[in-house]
Amino acid sequence: MSATDKYRHISDQELLAKFNQDHDNEWLGILLQRYTLLLLGVCMKYLQDEDEAKDAVQQVFLKVIQELHKYKVDYFKSWLYMVAKNHCLMKLRERQGKAPVSLTEKAELLQDTGSDTEELQQNDLTLNLMQESLEELNTEQKQCVILFYLEKKSYQEVADATGFSLLQVKSYIQNGKRNLKILIEKKLKEQAYKS
């Protein structure tokens, strides 16, 4: 049983409390693992480049590990989302020729998470739908998608870990990604229909 499965029933708040109590990075690791897909989605949305997005996820993880103890965080997912969003915005500014950041832009970056409540709720919903949809993929697709996107393994490493051929791995990842998108879109439409 993996740490993720073992602690699945423990809430973010409980994991945060455990981390704040003993500063053991294992609790933080479990929390971060829960939201790897969300982070990748946020980074892809802003950076529009898969490799850059994967790098950004790693940098956000590092930033969280270094900085979480400095803040009183009540809602980890929302705080993590803001850290990722701000990191991506800074990356985009760097990309645009390292233009100086004005005071208003700094203020925007430091804005209170409360002003983004609607966006955060939407991202919470998307993340939950993504987790549900991931569970609905067939075993091979789910396994390959998790290894590739969540555990950051290369095609070859996924093939080695699963025993599938390289061609099968690429096919499972491609089809898994497409099916995930279809499932999420379907669930979003159902949610919109309900509300």
C-alpha atoms as a PDB file:
ATOM      1  CA  MET A   1       0.000   0.000   0.000  1.00  0.00           C
ATOM      2  CA  SER A   2       1.465   3.363  -1.038  1.00  0.00           C
ATOM      3  CA  ALA A   3       1.586   6.376   1.288  1.00  0.00           C
ATOM      4  CA  THR A   4      -1.058   8.026  -0.907  1.00  0.00           C
ATOM      5  CA  ASP A   5      -3.493   5.121  -0.372  1.00  0.00           C
ATOM      6  CA  LYS A   6      -2.629   4.787   3.299  1.00  0.00           C
ATOM      7  CA  TYR A   7      -3.434   8.453   4.021  1.00  0.00           C
ATOM      8  CA  ARG A   8      -6.273   8.909   1.512  1.00  0.00           C
ATOM      9  CA  HIS A   9      -8.853   9.242   4.322  1.00  0.00           C
ATOM     10  CA  ILE A  10      -6.879  12.001   6.102  1.00  0.00           C
ATOM     11  CA  SER A  11      -8.001  15.527   5.194  1.00  0.00           C
ATOM     12  CA  ASP A  12      -5.677  18.272   3.958  1.00  0.00           C
ATOM     13  CA  GLN A  13      -6.220  20.111   7.267  1.00  0.00           C
ATOM     14  CA  GLU A  14      -5.130  17.070   9.290  1.00  0.00           C
ATOM     15  CA  LEU A  15      -2.031  16.565   7.139  1.00  0.00           C
ATOM     16  CA  LEU A  16      -1.190  20.279   7.474  1.00  0.00           C
ATOM     17  CA  ALA A  17      -1.610  20.047  11.247  1.00  0.00           C
ATOM     18  CA  LYS A  18       0.736  17.039  11.353  1.00  0.00           C
ATOM     19  CA  PHE A  19       3.290  18.921   9.247  1.00  0.00           C
ATOM     20  CA  ASN A  20       3.035  22.042  11.435  1.00  0.00           C
ATOM     21  CA  GLN A  21       3.435  19.877  14.533  1.00  0.00           C
ATOM     22  CA  ASP A  22       6.568  17.920  13.609  1.00  0.00           C
ATOM     23  CA  HIS A  23       7.791  19.585  10.354  1.00  0.00           C
ATOM     24  CA  ASP A  24       8.142  16.139   8.778  1.00  0.00           C
ATOM     25  CA  ASN A  25       8.249  16.598   4.994  1.00  0.00           C
ATOM     26  CA  GLU A  26       6.516  13.239   4.518  1.00  0.00           C
ATOM     27  CA  TRP A  27       3.164  14.923   5.351  1.00  0.00           C
ATOM     28  CA  LEU A  28       3.927  17.644   2.849  1.00  0.00           C
ATOM     29  CA  GLY A  29       4.881  15.034   0.251  1.00  0.00           C
ATOM     30  CA  ILE A  30       1.503  13.324   0.647  1.00  0.00           C
ATOM     31  CA  LEU A  31      -0.275  16.671   0.270  1.00  0.00           C
ATOM     32  CA  LEU A  32       1.730  17.640  -2.804  1.00  0.00           C
ATOM     33  CA  GLN A  33       1.163  14.267  -4.416  1.00  0.00           C
ATOM     34  CA  ARG A  34      -2.594  14.802  -4.089  1.00  0.00           C
ATOM     35  CA  TYR A  35      -2.387  17.949  -6.166  1.00  0.00           C
ATOM     36  CA  THR A  36       0.255  17.143  -8.774  1.00  0.00           C
ATOM     37  CA  LEU A  37      -2.364  16.929 -11.529  1.00  0.00           C
ATOM     38  CA  LEU A  38      -3.922  20.237 -10.478  1.00  0.00           C
ATOM     39  CA  LEU A  39      -0.492  21.888 -10.523  1.00  0.00           C
ATOM     40  CA  LEU A  40       0.331  20.454 -13.921  1.00  0.00           C
ATOM     41  CA  GLY A  41      -3.018  21.693 -15.235  1.00  0.00           C
ATOM     42  CA  VAL A  42      -2.477  25.205 -13.833  1.00  0.00           C
ATOM     43  CA  CYS A  43       1.066  25.391 -15.209  1.00  0.00           C
ATOM     44  CA  MET A  44      -0.039  24.096 -18.635  1.00  0.00           C
ATOM     45  CA  LYS A  45      -2.843  26.671 -18.711  1.00  0.00           C
ATOM     46  CA  TYR A  46      -0.421  29.563 -18.197  1.00  0.00           C
ATOM     47  CA  LEU A  47       2.804  28.363 -19.823  1.00  0.00           C
ATOM     48  CA  GLN A  48       1.286  26.458 -22.775  1.00  0.00           C
ATOM     49  CA  ASP A  49       4.309  24.135 -22.913  1.00  0.00           C
ATOM     50  CA  GLU A  50       4.399  20.646 -21.405  1.00  0.00           C
ATOM     51  CA  ASP A  51       8.123  20.537 -20.535  1.00  0.00           C
ATOM     52  CA  GLU A  52       8.043  24.020 -19.053  1.00  0.00           C
ATOM     53  CA  ALA A  53       4.910  23.115 -17.092  1.00  0.00           C
ATOM     54  CA  LYS A  54       6.562  19.975 -15.661  1.00  0.00           C
ATOM     55  CA  ASP A  55       9.615  22.050 -14.642  1.00  0.00           C
ATOM     56  CA  ALA A  56       7.328  24.634 -13.070  1.00  0.00           C
ATOM     57  CA  VAL A  57       5.560  21.926 -11.009  1.00  0.00           C
ATOM     58  CA  GLN A  58       8.945  20.832  -9.614  1.00  0.00           C
ATOM     59  CA  GLN A  59       9.870  24.453  -8.824  1.00  0.00           C
ATOM     60  CA  VAL A  60       6.522  25.029  -7.098  1.00  0.00           C
ATOM     61  CA  PHE A  61       7.061  21.850  -5.021  1.00  0.00           C
ATOM     62  CA  LEU A  62      10.466  23.173  -3.957  1.00  0.00           C
ATOM     63  CA  LYS A  63       9.035  26.591  -3.136  1.00  0.00           C
ATOM     64  CA  VAL A  64       6.252  25.031  -1.038  1.00  0.00           C
ATOM     65  CA  ILE A  65       8.732  22.859   0.892  1.00  0.00           C
ATOM     66  CA  GLN A  66      10.917  25.911   1.605  1.00  0.00           C
ATOM     67  CA  GLU A  67       8.137  28.384   2.404  1.00  0.00           C
ATOM     68  CA  LEU A  68       5.091  26.647   3.881  1.00  0.00           C
ATOM     69  CA  HIS A  69       6.351  26.959   7.462  1.00  0.00           C
ATOM     70  CA  LYS A  70       6.422  30.783   7.063  1.00  0.00           C
ATOM     71  CA  TYR A  71       2.653  31.035   6.518  1.00  0.00           C
ATOM     72  CA  LYS A  72      -0.497  30.127   8.356  1.00  0.00           C
ATOM     73  CA  VAL A  73      -2.273  28.197   5.633  1.00  0.00           C
ATOM     74  CA  ASP A  74      -5.856  27.119   6.266  1.00  0.00           C
ATOM     75  CA  TYR A  75      -6.766  25.860   2.800  1.00  0.00           C
ATOM     76  CA  PHE A  76      -3.782  24.107   1.304  1.00  0.00           C
ATOM     77  CA  LYS A  77      -5.260  23.490  -2.146  1.00  0.00           C
ATOM     78  CA  SER A  78      -6.206  27.160  -2.593  1.00  0.00           C
ATOM     79  CA  TRP A  79      -2.846  28.378  -1.296  1.00  0.00           C
ATOM     80  CA  LEU A  80      -0.985  25.910  -3.532  1.00  0.00           C
ATOM     81  CA  TYR A  81      -3.019  27.052  -6.538  1.00  0.00           C
ATOM     82  CA  MET A  82      -2.068  30.692  -5.855  1.00  0.00           C
ATOM     83  CA  VAL A  83       1.625  29.788  -5.457  1.00  0.00           C
ATOM     84  CA  ALA A  84       1.534  27.955  -8.805  1.00  0.00           C
ATOM     85  CA  LYS A  85      -0.374  30.749 -10.554  1.00  0.00           C
ATOM     86  CA  ASN A  86       2.025  33.422  -9.263  1.00  0.00           C
ATOM     87  CA  HIS A  87       5.038  31.307 -10.229  1.00  0.00           C
ATOM     88  CA  CYS A  88       3.695  30.956 -13.783  1.00  0.00           C
ATOM     89  CA  LEU A  89       2.940  34.682 -14.054  1.00  0.00           C
ATOM     90  CA  MET A  90       6.516  35.465 -12.986  1.00  0.00           C
ATOM     91  CA  LYS A  91       7.811  32.981 -15.589  1.00  0.00           C
ATOM     92  CA  LEU A  92       5.711  34.662 -18.280  1.00  0.00           C
ATOM     93  CA  ARG A  93       7.083  38.067 -17.284  1.00  0.00           C
ATOM     94  CA  GLU A  94      10.644  36.717 -17.472  1.00  0.00           C
ATOM     95  CA  ARG A  95       9.844  35.324 -20.893  1.00  0.00           C
ATOM     96  CA  GLN A  96       8.676  38.769 -22.052  1.00  0.00           C
ATOM     97  CA  GLY A  97      12.174  40.189 -21.780  1.00  0.00           C
ATOM     98  CA  LYS A  98      12.611  40.644 -18.052  1.00  0.00           C
ATOM     99  CA  ALA A  99      10.563  43.854 -18.002  1.00  0.00           C
ATOM    100  CA  PRO A 100      10.591  45.560 -14.615  1.00  0.00           C
ATOM    101  CA  VAL A 101       7.629  44.654 -12.449  1.00  0.00           C
ATOM    102  CA  SER A 102       5.526  47.687 -11.579  1.00  0.00           C
ATOM    103  CA  LEU A 103       4.053  48.257  -8.128  1.00  0.00           C
ATOM    104  CA  THR A 104       0.559  47.463  -9.375  1.00  0.00           C
ATOM    105  CA  GLU A 105       1.767  44.148 -10.800  1.00  0.00           C
ATOM    106  CA  LYS A 106       3.450  43.363  -7.484  1.00  0.00           C
ATOM    107  CA  ALA A 107       0.185  44.174  -5.735  1.00  0.00           C
ATOM    108  CA  GLU A 108      -1.663  41.859  -8.129  1.00  0.00           C
ATOM    109  CA  LEU A 109       0.775  39.045  -7.371  1.00  0.00           C
ATOM    110  CA  LEU A 110       0.382  39.534  -3.645  1.00  0.00           C
ATOM    111  CA  GLN A 111      -3.391  39.837  -3.792  1.00  0.00           C
ATOM    112  CA  ASP A 112      -5.408  38.050  -1.186  1.00  0.00           C
ATOM    113  CA  THR A 113      -6.664  34.623  -2.218  1.00  0.00           C
ATOM    114  CA  GLY A 114     -10.167  35.733  -1.231  1.00  0.00           C
ATOM    115  CA  SER A 115     -10.534  37.765  -4.425  1.00  0.00           C
ATOM    116  CA  ASP A 116     -10.071  34.592  -6.445  1.00  0.00           C
ATOM    117  CA  THR A 117     -12.620  32.515  -4.526  1.00  0.00           C
ATOM    118  CA  GLU A 118     -14.768  31.765  -7.573  1.00  0.00           C
ATOM    119  CA  GLU A 119     -11.750  30.728  -9.639  1.00  0.00           C
ATOM    120  CA  LEU A 120     -10.432  28.588  -6.777  1.00  0.00           C
ATOM    121  CA  GLN A 121     -13.797  26.875  -6.366  1.00  0.00           C
ATOM    122  CA  GLN A 122     -13.837  26.177 -10.108  1.00  0.00           C
ATOM    123  CA  ASN A 123     -10.341  24.688  -9.898  1.00  0.00           C
ATOM    124  CA  ASP A 124     -11.329  22.601  -6.858  1.00  0.00           C
ATOM    125  CA  LEU A 125     -14.249  21.265  -8.875  1.00  0.00           C
ATOM    126  CA  THR A 126     -12.022  20.533 -11.894  1.00  0.00           C
ATOM    127  CA  LEU A 127      -9.480  18.761  -9.700  1.00  0.00           C
ATOM    128  CA  ASN A 128     -12.152  16.591  -8.083  1.00  0.00           C
ATOM    129  CA  LEU A 129     -13.591  15.757 -11.496  1.00  0.00           C
ATOM    130  CA  MET A 130     -10.085  14.943 -12.738  1.00  0.00           C
ATOM    131  CA  GLN A 131      -9.497  12.562  -9.836  1.00  0.00           C
ATOM    132  CA  GLU A 132     -12.870  10.871 -10.433  1.00  0.00           C
ATOM    133  CA  SER A 133     -12.184  10.630 -14.173  1.00  0.00           C
ATOM    134  CA  LEU A 134      -8.732   9.155 -13.608  1.00  0.00           C
ATOM    135  CA  GLU A 135     -10.357   6.337 -11.617  1.00  0.00           C
ATOM    136  CA  GLU A 136     -12.647   5.620 -14.598  1.00  0.00           C
ATOM    137  CA  LEU A 137      -9.820   5.020 -17.095  1.00  0.00           C
ATOM    138  CA  ASN A 138      -8.992   1.422 -17.922  1.00  0.00           C
ATOM    139  CA  THR A 139      -6.176  -0.075 -15.832  1.00  0.00           C
ATOM    140  CA  GLU A 140      -3.434   0.261 -18.465  1.00  0.00           C
ATOM    141  CA  GLN A 141      -4.239   3.885 -19.324  1.00  0.00           C
ATOM    142  CA  LYS A 142      -4.596   4.871 -15.675  1.00  0.00           C
ATOM    143  CA  GLN A 143      -1.293   3.208 -14.755  1.00  0.00           C
ATOM    144  CA  CYS A 144       0.618   4.854 -17.637  1.00  0.00           C
ATOM    145  CA  VAL A 145      -0.951   8.309 -17.134  1.00  0.00           C
ATOM    146  CA  ILE A 146      -0.129   8.253 -13.393  1.00  0.00           C
ATOM    147  CA  LEU A 147       3.466   7.124 -13.957  1.00  0.00           C
ATOM    148  CA  PHE A 148       4.040   9.641 -16.765  1.00  0.00           C
ATOM    149  CA  TYR A 149       2.281  12.744 -15.424  1.00  0.00           C
ATOM    150  CA  LEU A 150       2.251  12.271 -11.655  1.00  0.00           C
ATOM    151  CA  GLU A 151       5.491  10.414 -11.108  1.00  0.00           C
ATOM    152  CA  LYS A 152       7.321  12.237 -13.944  1.00  0.00           C
ATOM    153  CA  LYS A 153       8.674   9.053 -15.508  1.00  0.00           C
ATOM    154  CA  SER A 154       9.854   8.976 -19.130  1.00  0.00           C
ATOM    155  CA  TYR A 155       8.186   6.739 -21.740  1.00  0.00           C
ATOM    156  CA  GLN A 156      11.058   4.264 -21.305  1.00  0.00           C
ATOM    157  CA  GLU A 157      10.749   4.269 -17.490  1.00  0.00           C
ATOM    158  CA  VAL A 158       6.985   3.675 -17.772  1.00  0.00           C
ATOM    159  CA  ALA A 159       7.669   0.775 -20.165  1.00  0.00           C
ATOM    160  CA  ASP A 160      10.231  -0.688 -17.737  1.00  0.00           C
ATOM    161  CA  ALA A 161       7.867  -0.316 -14.764  1.00  0.00           C
ATOM    162  CA  THR A 162       4.819  -1.816 -16.487  1.00  0.00           C
ATOM    163  CA  GLY A 163       6.291  -4.339 -18.899  1.00  0.00           C
ATOM    164  CA  PHE A 164       4.423  -2.701 -21.814  1.00  0.00           C
ATOM    165  CA  SER A 165       6.274  -1.966 -25.049  1.00  0.00           C
ATOM    166  CA  LEU A 166       7.267   1.644 -25.789  1.00  0.00           C
ATOM    167  CA  LEU A 167       4.590   1.770 -28.491  1.00  0.00           C
ATOM    168  CA  GLN A 168       1.922   0.521 -26.052  1.00  0.00           C
ATOM    169  CA  VAL A 169       3.007   3.058 -23.418  1.00  0.00           C
ATOM    170  CA  LYS A 170       2.752   5.968 -25.868  1.00  0.00           C
ATOM    171  CA  SER A 171      -0.638   4.709 -27.030  1.00  0.00           C
ATOM    172  CA  TYR A 172      -1.985   4.249 -23.464  1.00  0.00           C
ATOM    173  CA  ILE A 173      -0.779   7.737 -22.458  1.00  0.00           C
ATOM    174  CA  GLN A 174      -2.200   9.386 -25.578  1.00  0.00           C
ATOM    175  CA  ASN A 175      -5.545   7.570 -25.307  1.00  0.00           C
ATOM    176  CA  GLY A 176      -5.649   8.002 -21.520  1.00  0.00           C
ATOM    177  CA  LYS A 177      -5.080  11.746 -21.847  1.00  0.00           C
ATOM    178  CA  ARG A 178      -7.801  12.017 -24.524  1.00  0.00           C
ATOM    179  CA  ASN A 179     -10.270   9.899 -22.502  1.00  0.00           C
ATOM    180  CA  LEU A 180      -9.513  11.919 -19.370  1.00  0.00           C
ATOM    181  CA  LYS A 181     -10.338  15.119 -21.252  1.00  0.00           C
ATOM    182  CA  ILE A 182     -13.603  13.615 -22.591  1.00  0.00           C
ATOM    183  CA  LEU A 183     -14.622  12.370 -19.118  1.00  0.00           C
ATOM    184  CA  ILE A 184     -13.839  15.716 -17.461  1.00  0.00           C
ATOM    185  CA  GLU A 185     -15.719  17.691 -20.124  1.00  0.00           C
ATOM    186  CA  LYS A 186     -18.702  15.367 -19.749  1.00  0.00           C
ATOM    187  CA  LYS A 187     -18.675  15.791 -15.959  1.00  0.00           C
ATOM    188  CA  LEU A 188     -18.346  19.590 -16.288  1.00  0.00           C
ATOM    189  CA  LYS A 189     -21.401  19.636 -18.571  1.00  0.00           C
ATOM    190  CA  GLU A 190     -23.323  17.505 -16.061  1.00  0.00           C
ATOM    191  CA  GLN A 191     -22.321  19.901 -13.259  1.00  0.00           C
ATOM    192  CA  ALA A 192     -23.417  22.908 -15.328  1.00  0.00           C
ATOM    193  CA  TYR A 193     -26.719  21.162 -16.086  1.00  0.00           C
ATOM    194  CA  LYS A 194     -27.290  20.482 -12.351  1.00  0.00           C
ATOM    195  CA  SER A 195     -26.628  24.108 -11.391  1.00  0.00           C
END
